[in-house]
C-alpha atoms as a PDB file:
ATOM      1  CA  MET A   1    -129.767  19.139 158.910  1.00  0.00           C
ATOM      2  CA  ALA A   2    -132.276  21.675 157.638  1.00  0.00           C
ATOM      3  CA  TYR A   3    -133.548  25.041 158.866  1.00  0.00           C
ATOM      4  CA  TRP A   4    -137.176  26.098 158.874  1.00  0.00           C
ATOM      5  CA  VAL A   5    -139.500  29.046 159.419  1.00  0.00           C
ATOM      6  CA  GLY A   6    -143.015  28.244 160.603  1.00  0.00           C
ATOM      7  CA  VAL A   7    -145.714  30.927 160.494  1.00  0.00           C
ATOM      8  CA  VAL A   8    -147.967  31.147 163.553  1.00  0.00           C
ATOM      9  CA  HIS A   9    -149.483  34.030 165.543  1.00  0.00           C
ATOM     10  CA  ALA A  10    -147.530  34.911 168.688  1.00  0.00           C
ATOM     11  CA  ASP A  11    -150.198  33.830 171.178  1.00  0.00           C
ATOM     12  CA  HIS A  12    -150.113  30.300 169.727  1.00  0.00           C
ATOM     13  CA  VAL A  13    -146.308  30.364 169.641  1.00  0.00           C
ATOM     14  CA  ALA A  14    -146.254  31.137 173.376  1.00  0.00           C
ATOM     15  CA  ARG A  15    -148.399  28.073 174.069  1.00  0.00           C
ATOM     16  CA  GLY A  16    -146.087  25.917 171.935  1.00  0.00           C
ATOM     17  CA  VAL A  17    -143.036  27.160 173.820  1.00  0.00           C
ATOM     18  CA  GLU A  18    -144.777  26.413 177.109  1.00  0.00           C
ATOM     19  CA  LEU A  19    -145.558  22.848 175.964  1.00  0.00           C
ATOM     20  CA  GLY A  20    -142.209  22.274 174.203  1.00  0.00           C
ATOM     21  CA  ILE A  21    -143.935  21.466 170.925  1.00  0.00           C
ATOM     22  CA  VAL A  22    -144.093  22.703 167.358  1.00  0.00           C
ATOM     23  CA  GLN A  23    -147.383  22.694 165.481  1.00  0.00           C
ATOM     24  CA  ILE A  24    -147.857  24.096 161.974  1.00  0.00           C
ATOM     25  CA  ASN A  25    -150.704  24.823 159.558  1.00  0.00           C
ATOM     26  CA  HIS A  26    -153.521  24.389 162.060  1.00  0.00           C
ATOM     27  CA  GLY A  27    -152.117  21.083 163.278  1.00  0.00           C
ATOM     28  CA  SER A  28    -151.674  19.383 159.902  1.00  0.00           C
ATOM     29  CA  ARG A  29    -149.467  16.302 159.771  1.00  0.00           C
ATOM     30  CA  ALA A  30    -147.626  17.325 156.592  1.00  0.00           C
ATOM     31  CA  GLY A  31    -145.598  20.145 158.135  1.00  0.00           C
ATOM     32  CA  VAL A  32    -144.323  18.428 161.258  1.00  0.00           C
ATOM     33  CA  THR A  33    -143.313  15.311 159.334  1.00  0.00           C
ATOM     34  CA  ARG A  34    -140.954  17.429 157.212  1.00  0.00           C
ATOM     35  CA  LEU A  35    -139.024  18.386 160.365  1.00  0.00           C
ATOM     36  CA  LYS A  36    -136.239  16.030 161.420  1.00  0.00           C
ATOM     37  CA  PRO A  37    -134.349  15.624 164.709  1.00  0.00           C
ATOM     38  CA  GLY A  38    -131.660  18.296 165.041  1.00  0.00           C
ATOM     39  CA  ASP A  39    -133.228  20.686 162.509  1.00  0.00           C
ATOM     40  CA  GLY A  40    -133.232  24.365 163.384  1.00  0.00           C
ATOM     41  CA  PHE A  41    -136.673  25.935 163.638  1.00  0.00           C
ATOM     42  CA  VAL A  42    -137.875  29.503 164.078  1.00  0.00           C
ATOM     43  CA  TYR A  43    -141.400  30.892 164.279  1.00  0.00           C
ATOM     44  CA  TYR A  44    -142.418  34.028 162.408  1.00  0.00           C
ATOM     45  CA  SER A  45    -145.544  35.727 163.753  1.00  0.00           C
ATOM     46  CA  PRO A  46    -147.396  38.146 161.482  1.00  0.00           C
ATOM     47  CA  LYS A  47    -149.737  39.148 164.341  1.00  0.00           C
ATOM     48  CA  ASP A  48    -149.683  39.016 168.114  1.00  0.00           C
ATOM     49  CA  ALA A  49    -152.926  37.031 168.376  1.00  0.00           C
ATOM     50  CA  PHE A  50    -155.311  34.949 166.304  1.00  0.00           C
ATOM     51  CA  PRO A  51    -157.516  35.903 164.528  1.00  0.00           C
ATOM     52  CA  ASP A  52    -157.624  39.695 164.758  1.00  0.00           C
ATOM     53  CA  GLY A  53    -154.472  40.618 166.621  1.00  0.00           C
ATOM     54  CA  ALA A  54    -152.226  43.591 166.059  1.00  0.00           C
ATOM     55  CA  PRO A  55    -149.495  43.353 163.412  1.00  0.00           C
ATOM     56  CA  LEU A  56    -146.239  42.013 164.862  1.00  0.00           C
ATOM     57  CA  LYS A  57    -144.113  40.867 161.874  1.00  0.00           C
ATOM     58  CA  SER A  58    -141.412  39.355 164.075  1.00  0.00           C
ATOM     59  CA  PHE A  59    -139.529  36.148 164.670  1.00  0.00           C
ATOM     60  CA  THR A  60    -140.912  35.003 168.011  1.00  0.00           C
ATOM     61  CA  ALA A  61    -139.343  31.667 169.038  1.00  0.00           C
ATOM     62  CA  ILE A  62    -136.357  29.566 168.029  1.00  0.00           C
ATOM     63  CA  GLY A  63    -135.197  26.067 168.814  1.00  0.00           C
ATOM     64  CA  VAL A  64    -134.000  22.638 167.745  1.00  0.00           C
ATOM     65  CA  VAL A  65    -136.325  19.802 166.754  1.00  0.00           C
ATOM     66  CA  GLY A  66    -136.233  16.873 169.186  1.00  0.00           C
ATOM     67  CA  ASP A  67    -135.951  13.120 168.600  1.00  0.00           C
ATOM     68  CA  ARG A  68    -139.549  12.120 169.337  1.00  0.00           C
ATOM     69  CA  GLU A  69    -141.578  11.146 166.261  1.00  0.00           C
ATOM     70  CA  PRO A  70    -144.578  13.346 165.399  1.00  0.00           C
ATOM     71  CA  TRP A  71    -147.760  12.437 167.274  1.00  0.00           C
ATOM     72  CA  GLN A  72    -151.398  13.381 167.121  1.00  0.00           C
ATOM     73  CA  ALA A  73    -152.597  15.117 170.263  1.00  0.00           C
ATOM     74  CA  THR A  74    -156.149  15.291 171.526  1.00  0.00           C
ATOM     75  CA  ASP A  75    -157.401  18.705 172.573  1.00  0.00           C
ATOM     76  CA  GLY A  76    -161.165  18.238 172.711  1.00  0.00           C
ATOM     77  CA  ASP A  77    -162.426  17.880 169.150  1.00  0.00           C
ATOM     78  CA  PHE A  78    -159.145  19.283 167.841  1.00  0.00           C
ATOM     79  CA  GLN A  79    -156.501  16.632 167.089  1.00  0.00           C
ATOM     80  CA  PRO A  80    -153.357  18.444 165.906  1.00  0.00           C
ATOM     81  CA  TRP A  81    -150.103  16.812 164.871  1.00  0.00           C
ATOM     82  CA  ARG A  82    -147.126  17.908 166.956  1.00  0.00           C
ATOM     83  CA  ARG A  83    -143.412  17.423 167.274  1.00  0.00           C
ATOM     84  CA  GLU A  84    -141.171  18.049 170.273  1.00  0.00           C
ATOM     85  CA  ILE A  85    -138.728  20.944 170.197  1.00  0.00           C
ATOM     86  CA  ALA A  86    -136.203  22.449 172.599  1.00  0.00           C
ATOM     87  CA  TYR A  87    -136.755  26.205 172.518  1.00  0.00           C
ATOM     88  CA  ASP A  88    -134.218  28.792 173.572  1.00  0.00           C
ATOM     89  CA  GLU A  89    -136.434  30.472 176.138  1.00  0.00           C
ATOM     90  CA  SER A  90    -133.974  33.356 176.549  1.00  0.00           C
ATOM     91  CA  ALA A  91    -134.500  34.425 172.920  1.00  0.00           C
ATOM     92  CA  ARG A  92    -136.360  37.682 172.322  1.00  0.00           C
ATOM     93  CA  TYR A  93    -138.595  38.827 169.500  1.00  0.00           C
ATOM     94  CA  ALA A  94    -136.775  40.104 166.404  1.00  0.00           C
ATOM     95  CA  PRO A  95    -138.708  42.271 163.919  1.00  0.00           C
ATOM     96  CA  VAL A  96    -138.203  41.174 160.317  1.00  0.00           C
ATOM     97  CA  ALA A  97    -137.973  44.816 159.166  1.00  0.00           C
ATOM     98  CA  GLY A  98    -134.404  45.170 160.437  1.00  0.00           C
ATOM     99  CA  LEU A  99    -133.314  41.920 158.798  1.00  0.00           C
ATOM    100  CA  ARG A 100    -134.889  42.123 155.322  1.00  0.00           C
ATOM    101  CA  ASP A 101    -131.710  43.339 153.569  1.00  0.00           C
ATOM    102  CA  THR A 102    -129.621  40.592 155.203  1.00  0.00           C
ATOM    103  CA  LEU A 103    -131.801  37.501 154.906  1.00  0.00           C
ATOM    104  CA  GLU A 104    -131.409  35.531 151.688  1.00  0.00           C
ATOM    105  CA  PHE A 105    -135.100  34.690 151.521  1.00  0.00           C
ATOM    106  CA  THR A 106    -136.149  38.365 151.711  1.00  0.00           C
ATOM    107  CA  ARG A 107    -133.409  40.654 150.385  1.00  0.00           C
ATOM    108  CA  ASP A 108    -133.911  40.265 146.626  1.00  0.00           C
ATOM    109  CA  ASN A 109    -137.593  39.446 146.745  1.00  0.00           C
ATOM    110  CA  PRO A 110    -140.045  42.341 147.145  1.00  0.00           C
ATOM    111  CA  ASN A 111    -142.849  39.772 147.512  1.00  0.00           C
ATOM    112  CA  TRP A 112    -141.028  37.633 150.078  1.00  0.00           C
ATOM    113  CA  GLY A 113    -144.115  37.447 152.307  1.00  0.00           C
ATOM    114  CA  TYR A 114    -146.056  35.381 149.771  1.00  0.00           C
ATOM    115  CA  GLN A 115    -143.942  32.308 150.473  1.00  0.00           C
ATOM    116  CA  LEU A 116    -144.868  32.516 154.143  1.00  0.00           C
ATOM    117  CA  ARG A 117    -148.486  31.819 153.228  1.00  0.00           C
ATOM    118  CA  LEU A 118    -147.407  28.173 152.919  1.00  0.00           C
ATOM    119  CA  GLY A 119    -147.016  28.090 156.715  1.00  0.00           C
ATOM    120  CA  LEU A 120    -143.597  26.394 156.603  1.00  0.00           C
ATOM    121  CA  ILE A 121    -140.586  27.206 154.453  1.00  0.00           C
ATOM    122  CA  GLU A 122    -137.036  25.947 154.412  1.00  0.00           C
ATOM    123  CA  ILE A 123    -134.317  28.576 154.853  1.00  0.00           C
ATOM    124  CA  SER A 124    -130.532  28.578 154.639  1.00  0.00           C
ATOM    125  CA  ARG A 125    -128.124  28.130 157.549  1.00  0.00           C
ATOM    126  CA  HIS A 126    -127.051  31.731 156.897  1.00  0.00           C
ATOM    127  CA  ASP A 127    -130.600  33.007 157.428  1.00  0.00           C
ATOM    128  CA  PHE A 128    -131.093  30.845 160.522  1.00  0.00           C
ATOM    129  CA  ASP A 129    -127.873  32.207 162.038  1.00  0.00           C
ATOM    130  CA  VAL A 130    -128.847  35.825 161.238  1.00  0.00           C
ATOM    131  CA  ILE A 131    -132.249  35.342 162.885  1.00  0.00           C
ATOM    132  CA  ALA A 132    -130.719  33.564 165.893  1.00  0.00           C
ATOM    133  CA  LYS A 133    -128.257  36.418 166.420  1.00  0.00           C
ATOM    134  CA  ALA A 134    -131.027  39.029 166.156  1.00  0.00           C
ATOM    135  CA  MET A 135    -133.038  37.092 168.742  1.00  0.00           C
ATOM    136  CA  GLY A 136    -130.044  36.861 171.087  1.00  0.00           C
ATOM    137  CA  SER A 137    -130.167  33.066 170.803  1.00  0.00           C
ATOM    138  CA  HIS A 138    -127.307  30.622 171.067  1.00  0.00           C
ATOM    139  CA  THR A 139    -129.315  27.885 169.309  1.00  0.00           C
ATOM    140  CA  LEU A 140    -127.164  25.681 167.045  1.00  0.00           C
ATOM    141  CA  LYS A 141    -123.969  27.673 167.525  1.00  0.00           C
ATOM    142  CA  SER A 142    -121.066  25.713 166.131  1.00  0.00           C
END
């Protein structure tokens, strides 16, 4: 089992939650194929909307990757790769500012945001649990 942070603006996250899907890096196949059934996944949203939204800098959705294999959807000319996910729809936004000193991937790294430019990063179980607690989520509680 692995734990992931995907970077997507909040308006796109909301659509993914509505559809029960995860989509990363503008629908590229590479990201969703790294995710495996049972993995923990959380979205980080730098802005509230694409492309020129207001800064948000919050974790905005959290869930567990489902069993269905990745598939390529058709949305007009856009054909993104997707994967199913069960989101905790009771989770609330959690600003990263209050968590920076606690999260392993941010606390000792003043340039922690650079890694998020990749669109998908693996995090520790510790970090996933800290984010889940801050979001009021019961996702993957053991």
